[in-house]
Amino acid sequence: MLAYLGLFGLAVTLYAIDVERKAIQGKKALCDVSGMSCSRVLVSPYAKIVGKLFGLNPDHPLNLPNTYYGALYYVAVVLYGFYPFTLIPGREVMLVTVSGLSLGACLGFAYILYFKLKDICIVCMVTYAVNACIFYYSLKECS
């Protein structure tokens, strides 16, 4: 189940990357409906939270969009169940830890989305749900 969730999360994240690129070009995305704009959210100053949190220069190599970090996370979730990654000692605890951190980040992003940006992003909310499911299944994996 984790691999499927990782694949779904990766697909949604790749769509978000496409939305972000189109928004930079001034194009409207399918997820921009009825006053909700994922485009506006994905090009906001919070869309590169690592750079914002650590005060990185705009051209710093780690100042990447959140979507890129999300894609990396989902690839790791997909690979989790495959050899040779199954040989890593304590990998279950690492998965619970990382997915818990991801869920915590989702709570922070949800706060920013609703209270700071005053917007609703369907794509973002789908990734929050996927991350909650990954956390749930990582807990099951650990027990």
Protein backbone atom coordinates (compact mmCIF):
# COMPACT_ATOMS: atom_id res chain seq x y z
CA MET A 1 0.00 0.00 0.00
CA LEU A 2 2.87 2.38 0.78
CA ALA A 3 4.25 2.06 -2.76
CA TYR A 4 0.83 2.91 -4.22
CA LEU A 5 0.47 5.92 -1.95
CA GLY A 6 3.97 7.02 -2.90
CA LEU A 7 3.15 6.71 -6.60
CA PHE A 8 -0.09 8.64 -6.17
CA GLY A 9 1.68 11.32 -4.14
CA LEU A 10 4.39 11.54 -6.79
CA ALA A 11 1.79 11.93 -9.55
CA VAL A 12 0.03 14.73 -7.64
CA THR A 13 3.36 16.41 -6.94
CA LEU A 14 4.41 16.23 -10.58
CA TYR A 15 1.09 17.88 -11.45
CA ALA A 16 1.84 20.58 -8.86
CA ILE A 17 5.24 21.17 -10.47
CA ASP A 18 3.50 21.58 -13.82
CA VAL A 19 0.96 24.00 -12.28
CA GLU A 20 3.80 26.02 -10.78
CA ARG A 21 5.62 26.27 -14.10
CA LYS A 22 2.44 27.29 -15.91
CA ALA A 23 1.63 29.88 -13.23
CA ILE A 24 5.05 31.47 -13.70
CA GLN A 25 4.19 31.77 -17.40
CA GLY A 26 0.84 33.37 -16.47
CA LYS A 27 -1.31 30.41 -17.47
CA LYS A 28 -4.31 29.18 -15.49
CA ALA A 29 -4.42 25.61 -14.16
CA LEU A 30 -7.34 23.19 -13.89
CA CYS A 31 -7.16 23.41 -10.10
CA ASP A 32 -7.88 27.15 -10.16
CA VAL A 33 -11.64 27.08 -9.62
CA SER A 34 -14.27 29.11 -7.75
CA GLY A 35 -11.96 31.38 -5.81
CA MET A 36 -9.51 28.59 -5.03
CA SER A 37 -6.11 28.95 -6.65
CA CYS A 38 -3.39 26.37 -6.40
CA SER A 39 -1.39 28.47 -8.89
CA ARG A 40 -1.33 31.43 -6.51
CA VAL A 41 -0.25 29.17 -3.63
CA LEU A 42 2.46 27.38 -5.61
CA VAL A 43 4.18 30.64 -6.61
CA SER A 44 3.78 32.37 -3.25
CA PRO A 45 6.85 33.18 -1.11
CA TYR A 46 5.95 30.11 1.01
CA ALA A 47 6.37 27.81 -2.00
CA LYS A 48 10.10 27.72 -1.22
CA ILE A 49 9.87 27.28 2.53
CA VAL A 50 13.39 25.86 2.98
CA GLY A 51 14.89 29.05 1.58
CA LYS A 52 12.54 31.15 3.69
CA LEU A 53 13.24 29.22 6.93
CA PHE A 54 17.01 29.19 6.53
CA GLY A 55 17.41 32.60 4.87
CA LEU A 56 18.97 31.18 1.73
CA ASN A 57 19.81 33.34 -1.27
CA PRO A 58 17.35 32.97 -4.16
CA ASP A 59 20.03 31.27 -6.26
CA HIS A 60 21.15 28.84 -3.54
CA PRO A 61 20.96 25.20 -4.74
CA LEU A 62 18.78 24.17 -1.76
CA ASN A 63 16.28 26.97 -2.33
CA LEU A 64 14.00 24.67 -4.30
CA PRO A 65 10.21 24.64 -4.50
CA ASN A 66 8.45 22.53 -1.86
CA THR A 67 7.13 20.37 -4.69
CA TYR A 68 10.65 19.15 -5.49
CA TYR A 69 11.21 18.08 -1.89
CA GLY A 70 7.81 16.40 -1.96
CA ALA A 71 8.70 14.47 -5.11
CA LEU A 72 11.90 13.26 -3.45
CA TYR A 73 9.91 12.14 -0.39
CA TYR A 74 7.40 10.21 -2.48
CA VAL A 75 10.17 8.50 -4.46
CA ALA A 76 11.68 7.39 -1.13
CA VAL A 77 8.29 6.04 -0.02
CA VAL A 78 7.95 4.08 -3.27
CA LEU A 79 11.46 2.61 -2.92
CA TYR A 80 10.96 1.75 0.77
CA GLY A 81 9.57 -1.73 0.07
CA PHE A 82 12.07 -2.75 -2.59
CA TYR A 83 15.40 -4.54 -2.35
CA PRO A 84 18.08 -3.40 -1.31
CA PHE A 85 16.20 -0.86 0.81
CA THR A 86 14.55 -3.73 2.70
CA LEU A 87 17.99 -4.52 4.17
CA ILE A 88 18.31 -1.20 6.01
CA PRO A 89 18.20 -1.85 9.77
CA GLY A 90 15.55 0.18 11.61
CA ARG A 91 13.94 1.33 8.39
CA GLU A 92 10.45 1.06 9.92
CA VAL A 93 11.36 3.56 12.63
CA MET A 94 12.93 5.84 10.01
CA LEU A 95 9.74 5.69 7.96
CA VAL A 96 7.55 6.55 10.94
CA THR A 97 9.89 9.42 11.84
CA VAL A 98 10.06 10.87 8.32
CA SER A 99 6.35 10.42 7.65
CA GLY A 100 5.60 12.01 11.03
CA LEU A 101 7.79 14.98 10.11
CA SER A 102 5.99 15.14 6.78
CA LEU A 103 2.64 15.20 8.56
CA GLY A 104 3.90 17.96 10.85
CA ALA A 105 5.00 19.94 7.80
CA CYS A 106 1.52 19.44 6.33
CA LEU A 107 -0.02 20.97 9.44
CA GLY A 108 2.31 23.95 9.09
CA PHE A 109 1.53 24.30 5.39
CA ALA A 110 -2.20 24.03 6.08
CA TYR A 111 -1.88 26.85 8.61
CA ILE A 112 0.01 29.00 6.08
CA LEU A 113 -2.49 28.15 3.37
CA TYR A 114 -5.57 29.07 5.37
CA PHE A 115 -4.41 31.84 7.71
CA LYS A 116 -1.55 33.55 5.87
CA LEU A 117 -2.42 33.09 2.19
CA LYS A 118 -6.19 32.91 2.85
CA ASP A 119 -6.58 30.50 -0.03
CA ILE A 120 -7.52 26.90 -0.68
CA CYS A 121 -5.33 24.66 -2.77
CA ILE A 122 -6.93 21.38 -3.84
CA VAL A 123 -3.60 19.88 -4.91
CA CYS A 124 -2.05 20.79 -1.57
CA MET A 125 -4.92 19.26 0.38
CA VAL A 126 -4.65 16.03 -1.61
CA THR A 127 -0.97 15.78 -0.68
CA TYR A 128 -1.88 16.37 2.97
CA ALA A 129 -4.31 13.44 2.80
CA VAL A 130 -1.73 11.22 1.08
CA ASN A 131 0.83 12.09 3.75
CA ALA A 132 -1.65 11.27 6.51
CA CYS A 133 -2.28 7.87 4.88
CA ILE A 134 1.46 7.23 4.55
CA PHE A 135 1.88 8.03 8.24
CA TYR A 136 -0.98 5.68 9.15
CA TYR A 137 0.49 2.81 7.12
CA SER A 138 3.97 3.50 8.46
CA LEU A 139 2.58 3.07 11.99
CA LYS A 140 1.01 -0.23 10.92
CA GLU A 141 4.35 -1.26 9.43
CA CYS A 142 6.10 -0.54 12.73
CA SER A 143 3.71 -2.62 14.87
